[in-house]
C-alpha atoms as a PDB file:
ATOM      1  CA  MET A   1     -43.391  28.643  14.951  1.00  0.00           C
ATOM      2  CA  LEU A   2     -44.515  25.164  14.665  1.00  0.00           C
ATOM      3  CA  LYS A   3     -45.681  26.370  11.216  1.00  0.00           C
ATOM      4  CA  THR A   4     -42.667  27.538  10.280  1.00  0.00           C
ATOM      5  CA  LEU A   5     -40.846  24.354  10.695  1.00  0.00           C
ATOM      6  CA  THR A   6     -43.127  22.047   9.363  1.00  0.00           C
ATOM      7  CA  THR A   7     -43.245  23.988   6.003  1.00  0.00           C
ATOM      8  CA  THR A   8     -39.866  24.132   6.349  1.00  0.00           C
ATOM      9  CA  ALA A   9     -39.326  20.399   6.458  1.00  0.00           C
ATOM     10  CA  SER A  10     -41.833  19.201   4.213  1.00  0.00           C
ATOM     11  CA  LYS A  11     -40.158  21.692   1.943  1.00  0.00           C
ATOM     12  CA  TYR A  12     -37.114  20.050   1.827  1.00  0.00           C
ATOM     13  CA  ALA A  13     -38.260  16.378   2.377  1.00  0.00           C
ATOM     14  CA  PRO A  14     -38.265  15.722  -1.260  1.00  0.00           C
ATOM     15  CA  LEU A  15     -34.858  16.728  -1.911  1.00  0.00           C
ATOM     16  CA  ALA A  16     -33.817  15.063   0.778  1.00  0.00           C
ATOM     17  CA  LEU A  17     -35.413  11.465  -0.033  1.00  0.00           C
ATOM     18  CA  ILE A  18     -34.140  12.113  -3.646  1.00  0.00           C
ATOM     19  CA  ALA A  19     -30.447  13.070  -2.897  1.00  0.00           C
ATOM     20  CA  GLY A  20     -30.216   9.544  -0.649  1.00  0.00           C
ATOM     21  CA  ALA A  21     -31.679   7.668  -3.164  1.00  0.00           C
ATOM     22  CA  VAL A  22     -29.110   9.295  -5.572  1.00  0.00           C
ATOM     23  CA  ALA A  23     -26.390   8.462  -3.433  1.00  0.00           C
ATOM     24  CA  LEU A  24     -27.844   4.849  -2.371  1.00  0.00           C
ATOM     25  CA  GLY A  25     -27.672   3.659  -5.922  1.00  0.00           C
ATOM     26  CA  ALA A  26     -24.264   5.354  -6.597  1.00  0.00           C
ATOM     27  CA  LEU A  27     -22.545   3.936  -3.706  1.00  0.00           C
ATOM     28  CA  ALA A  28     -24.257   0.706  -4.550  1.00  0.00           C
ATOM     29  CA  LEU A  29     -22.924   0.944  -8.273  1.00  0.00           C
ATOM     30  CA  ALA A  30     -19.595   1.373  -7.109  1.00  0.00           C
ATOM     31  CA  LEU A  31     -19.699  -1.437  -4.251  1.00  0.00           C
ATOM     32  CA  SER A  32     -21.242  -4.348  -6.588  1.00  0.00           C
ATOM     33  CA  THR A  33     -17.980  -4.013  -9.065  1.00  0.00           C
ATOM     34  CA  PRO A  34     -15.897  -5.962  -6.987  1.00  0.00           C
ATOM     35  CA  ALA A  35     -18.659  -9.168  -6.956  1.00  0.00           C
ATOM     36  CA  SER A  36     -19.160  -8.280 -10.320  1.00  0.00           C
ATOM     37  CA  ALA A  37     -15.533  -8.179 -11.707  1.00  0.00           C
ATOM     38  CA  GLN A  38     -14.592 -11.400  -9.657  1.00  0.00           C
ATOM     39  CA  GLN A  39     -17.035 -13.163 -11.546  1.00  0.00           C
ATOM     40  CA  GLN A  40     -15.983 -12.145 -14.801  1.00  0.00           C
ATOM     41  CA  ARG A  41     -12.463 -13.598 -14.416  1.00  0.00           C
ATOM     42  CA  ASP A  42     -14.297 -16.838 -14.554  1.00  0.00           C
ATOM     43  CA  PRO A  43     -14.203 -18.422 -17.820  1.00  0.00           C
ATOM     44  CA  ALA A  44     -16.881 -21.095 -16.234  1.00  0.00           C
ATOM     45  CA  TYR A  45     -19.086 -18.213 -15.317  1.00  0.00           C
ATOM     46  CA  ALA A  46     -18.818 -15.973 -18.338  1.00  0.00           C
ATOM     47  CA  ALA A  47     -19.277 -19.567 -20.681  1.00  0.00           C
ATOM     48  CA  ALA A  48     -22.773 -20.309 -18.525  1.00  0.00           C
ATOM     49  CA  ARG A  49     -23.875 -17.073 -18.744  1.00  0.00           C
ATOM     50  CA  ALA A  50     -23.648 -16.439 -22.015  1.00  0.00           C
ATOM     51  CA  ALA A  51     -25.077 -19.937 -22.670  1.00  0.00           C
ATOM     52  CA  GLY A  52     -27.894 -18.554 -20.577  1.00  0.00           C
ATOM     53  CA  GLN A  53     -27.399 -21.592 -17.761  1.00  0.00           C
ATOM     54  CA  VAL A  54     -27.555 -18.608 -15.141  1.00  0.00           C
ATOM     55  CA  GLY A  55     -28.776 -15.529 -14.911  1.00  0.00           C
ATOM     56  CA  GLU A  56     -29.174 -12.427 -12.236  1.00  0.00           C
ATOM     57  CA  LYS A  57     -32.351 -12.345  -9.946  1.00  0.00           C
ATOM     58  CA  VAL A  58     -33.732  -8.652  -8.158  1.00  0.00           C
ATOM     59  CA  ASP A  59     -32.555 -10.150  -5.125  1.00  0.00           C
ATOM     60  CA  GLY A  60     -28.977  -9.965  -5.996  1.00  0.00           C
ATOM     61  CA  TYR A  61     -28.060 -13.729  -6.632  1.00  0.00           C
ATOM     62  CA  LEU A  62     -27.496 -15.566  -9.262  1.00  0.00           C
ATOM     63  CA  GLY A  63     -30.681 -18.457 -10.293  1.00  0.00           C
ATOM     64  CA  PHE A  64     -31.068 -20.790 -13.122  1.00  0.00           C
ATOM     65  CA  PRO A  65     -33.312 -19.973 -16.120  1.00  0.00           C
ATOM     66  CA  THR A  66     -32.737 -23.897 -16.922  1.00  0.00           C
ATOM     67  CA  PRO A  67     -32.346 -26.822 -14.585  1.00  0.00           C
ATOM     68  CA  PRO A  68     -28.462 -26.725 -14.095  1.00  0.00           C
ATOM     69  CA  SER A  69     -25.796 -29.223 -14.294  1.00  0.00           C
ATOM     70  CA  ALA A  70     -24.076 -30.290 -10.775  1.00  0.00           C
ATOM     71  CA  GLU A  71     -21.033 -28.291 -12.490  1.00  0.00           C
ATOM     72  CA  VAL A  72     -22.913 -25.247 -13.213  1.00  0.00           C
ATOM     73  CA  ARG A  73     -24.648 -25.204 -10.077  1.00  0.00           C
ATOM     74  CA  ARG A  74     -21.424 -25.263  -7.734  1.00  0.00           C
ATOM     75  CA  MET A  75     -20.149 -22.567  -9.771  1.00  0.00           C
ATOM     76  CA  ALA A  76     -23.240 -20.336  -9.003  1.00  0.00           C
ATOM     77  CA  ASP A  77     -23.506 -21.752  -5.366  1.00  0.00           C
ATOM     78  CA  ASP A  78     -19.666 -20.411  -5.156  1.00  0.00           C
ATOM     79  CA  ILE A  79     -20.876 -17.374  -6.346  1.00  0.00           C
ATOM     80  CA  ASN A  80     -24.011 -16.675  -4.744  1.00  0.00           C
ATOM     81  CA  ILE A  81     -21.698 -17.840  -1.183  1.00  0.00           C
ATOM     82  CA  LYS A  82     -19.084 -14.484  -1.847  1.00  0.00           C
ATOM     83  CA  ARG A  83     -21.823 -12.139  -2.831  1.00  0.00           C
ATOM     84  CA  ARG A  84     -23.768 -12.683   0.442  1.00  0.00           C
ATOM     85  CA  ALA A  85     -20.348 -12.249   2.158  1.00  0.00           C
ATOM     86  CA  ILE A  86     -19.726  -9.110   0.307  1.00  0.00           C
ATOM     87  CA  TYR A  87     -23.649  -7.994   0.883  1.00  0.00           C
ATOM     88  CA  ALA A  88     -22.944  -8.883   4.825  1.00  0.00           C
ATOM     89  CA  GLU A  89     -19.982  -6.397   4.836  1.00  0.00           C
ATOM     90  CA  LYS A  90     -21.324  -3.712   2.819  1.00  0.00           C
ATOM     91  CA  ALA A  91     -24.782  -3.813   4.525  1.00  0.00           C
ATOM     92  CA  ALA A  92     -23.399  -3.547   7.753  1.00  0.00           C
ATOM     93  CA  GLU A  93     -21.089  -0.641   6.621  1.00  0.00           C
ATOM     94  CA  GLN A  94     -24.112   1.474   5.472  1.00  0.00           C
ATOM     95  CA  ARG A  95     -26.402   0.597   8.030  1.00  0.00           C
ATOM     96  CA  ALA A  96     -28.787  -1.663   5.942  1.00  0.00           C
ATOM     97  CA  THR A  97     -29.790  -5.431   5.856  1.00  0.00           C
ATOM     98  CA  VAL A  98     -28.492  -7.997   3.902  1.00  0.00           C
ATOM     99  CA  ASP A  99     -31.362  -8.305   2.073  1.00  0.00           C
ATOM    100  CA  GLN A 100     -31.867  -4.573   1.156  1.00  0.00           C
ATOM    101  CA  TYR A 101     -28.414  -4.007   0.139  1.00  0.00           C
ATOM    102  CA  ALA A 102     -28.737  -7.731  -2.033  1.00  0.00           C
ATOM    103  CA  PHE A 103     -31.850  -6.155  -3.511  1.00  0.00           C
ATOM    104  CA  THR A 104     -29.579  -2.708  -4.382  1.00  0.00           C
ATOM    105  CA  THR A 105     -27.156  -4.324  -6.238  1.00  0.00           C
ATOM    106  CA  GLY A 106     -29.419  -6.944  -7.480  1.00  0.00           C
ATOM    107  CA  CYS A 107     -31.395  -4.137  -9.814  1.00  0.00           C
ATOM    108  CA  LEU A 108     -27.823  -2.629 -10.963  1.00  0.00           C
ATOM    109  CA  LEU A 109     -26.599  -6.202 -12.139  1.00  0.00           C
ATOM    110  CA  ILE A 110     -29.852  -6.571 -14.064  1.00  0.00           C
ATOM    111  CA  ALA A 111     -29.423  -3.520 -15.812  1.00  0.00           C
ATOM    112  CA  LYS A 112     -25.919  -3.909 -16.503  1.00  0.00           C
ATOM    113  CA  THR A 113     -26.856  -7.469 -18.284  1.00  0.00           C
ATOM    114  CA  ALA A 114     -25.291  -7.247 -22.412  1.00  0.00           C
ATOM    115  CA  MET A 115     -28.016  -8.654 -24.935  1.00  0.00           C
ATOM    116  CA  GLY A 116     -28.252 -12.282 -24.405  1.00  0.00           C
ATOM    117  CA  GLU A 117     -27.878 -12.533 -21.003  1.00  0.00           C
ATOM    118  CA  LYS A 118     -30.702 -14.201 -18.817  1.00  0.00           C
ATOM    119  CA  TYR A 119     -32.007 -12.123 -15.951  1.00  0.00           C
ATOM    120  CA  GLN A 120     -35.429 -12.388 -13.582  1.00  0.00           C
ATOM    121  CA  ALA A 121     -38.044 -10.436 -14.389  1.00  0.00           C
ATOM    122  CA  THR A 122     -40.477  -9.150 -11.329  1.00  0.00           C
ATOM    123  CA  ASP A 123     -42.957 -11.754 -12.267  1.00  0.00           C
ATOM    124  CA  GLY A 124     -40.539 -14.573 -11.583  1.00  0.00           C
ATOM    125  CA  SER A 125     -40.174 -15.160 -15.319  1.00  0.00           C
ATOM    126  CA  TRP A 126     -36.756 -15.246 -16.913  1.00  0.00           C
ATOM    127  CA  GLN A 127     -36.317 -12.568 -19.851  1.00  0.00           C
ATOM    128  CA  THR A 128     -33.526 -12.888 -22.259  1.00  0.00           C
ATOM    129  CA  ARG A 129     -31.981  -9.012 -22.606  1.00  0.00           C
ATOM    130  CA  THR A 130     -32.626  -7.262 -25.677  1.00  0.00           C
ATOM    131  CA  ALA A 131     -32.179  -3.631 -27.124  1.00  0.00           C
ATOM    132  CA  ALA A 132     -34.397  -2.727 -24.994  1.00  0.00           C
ATOM    133  CA  ALA A 133     -34.180  -1.791 -21.184  1.00  0.00           C
ATOM    134  CA  PRO A 134     -34.556  -4.988 -18.812  1.00  0.00           C
ATOM    135  CA  LEU A 135     -37.880  -5.100 -17.227  1.00  0.00           C
ATOM    136  CA  ARG A 136     -36.981  -4.251 -13.435  1.00  0.00           C
ATOM    137  CA  ASP A 137     -38.704  -4.090 -10.149  1.00  0.00           C
ATOM    138  CA  PRO A 138     -40.323  -0.597  -9.608  1.00  0.00           C
ATOM    139  CA  ARG A 139     -38.346  -0.413  -6.324  1.00  0.00           C
ATOM    140  CA  CYS A 140     -34.912  -0.683  -7.978  1.00  0.00           C
ATOM    141  CA  PRO A 141     -32.619   3.190  -7.710  1.00  0.00           C
END
């Protein structure tokens, strides 16, 4: 009996892992949209992003590819505070940590960057998005 249960469990384990990863990725994509949409409405944010003054980091927050002005820093800090609040709320709903939720969202936000926008690669370097896929952490969904 034990052999049958072990064989059956191991037979379906890869399917369960894949289904879980797909569900988490889809959920994170759907849930990251409100934060992203909110920031896209701010012309100062759009201008700073287009100018390469801010970029997406793998941890789900905005970072600075170059030293920011006080105004850009305040704007990005405000967005990051709002993101953290959203991540905390959504992480609690998903029974995940804030860091786990932020990381998954960061992966998705980096994947959504447009050509010319900045993002942080896994080695910490700032990259400019080209037509090629961005360099993302191998743990990204």
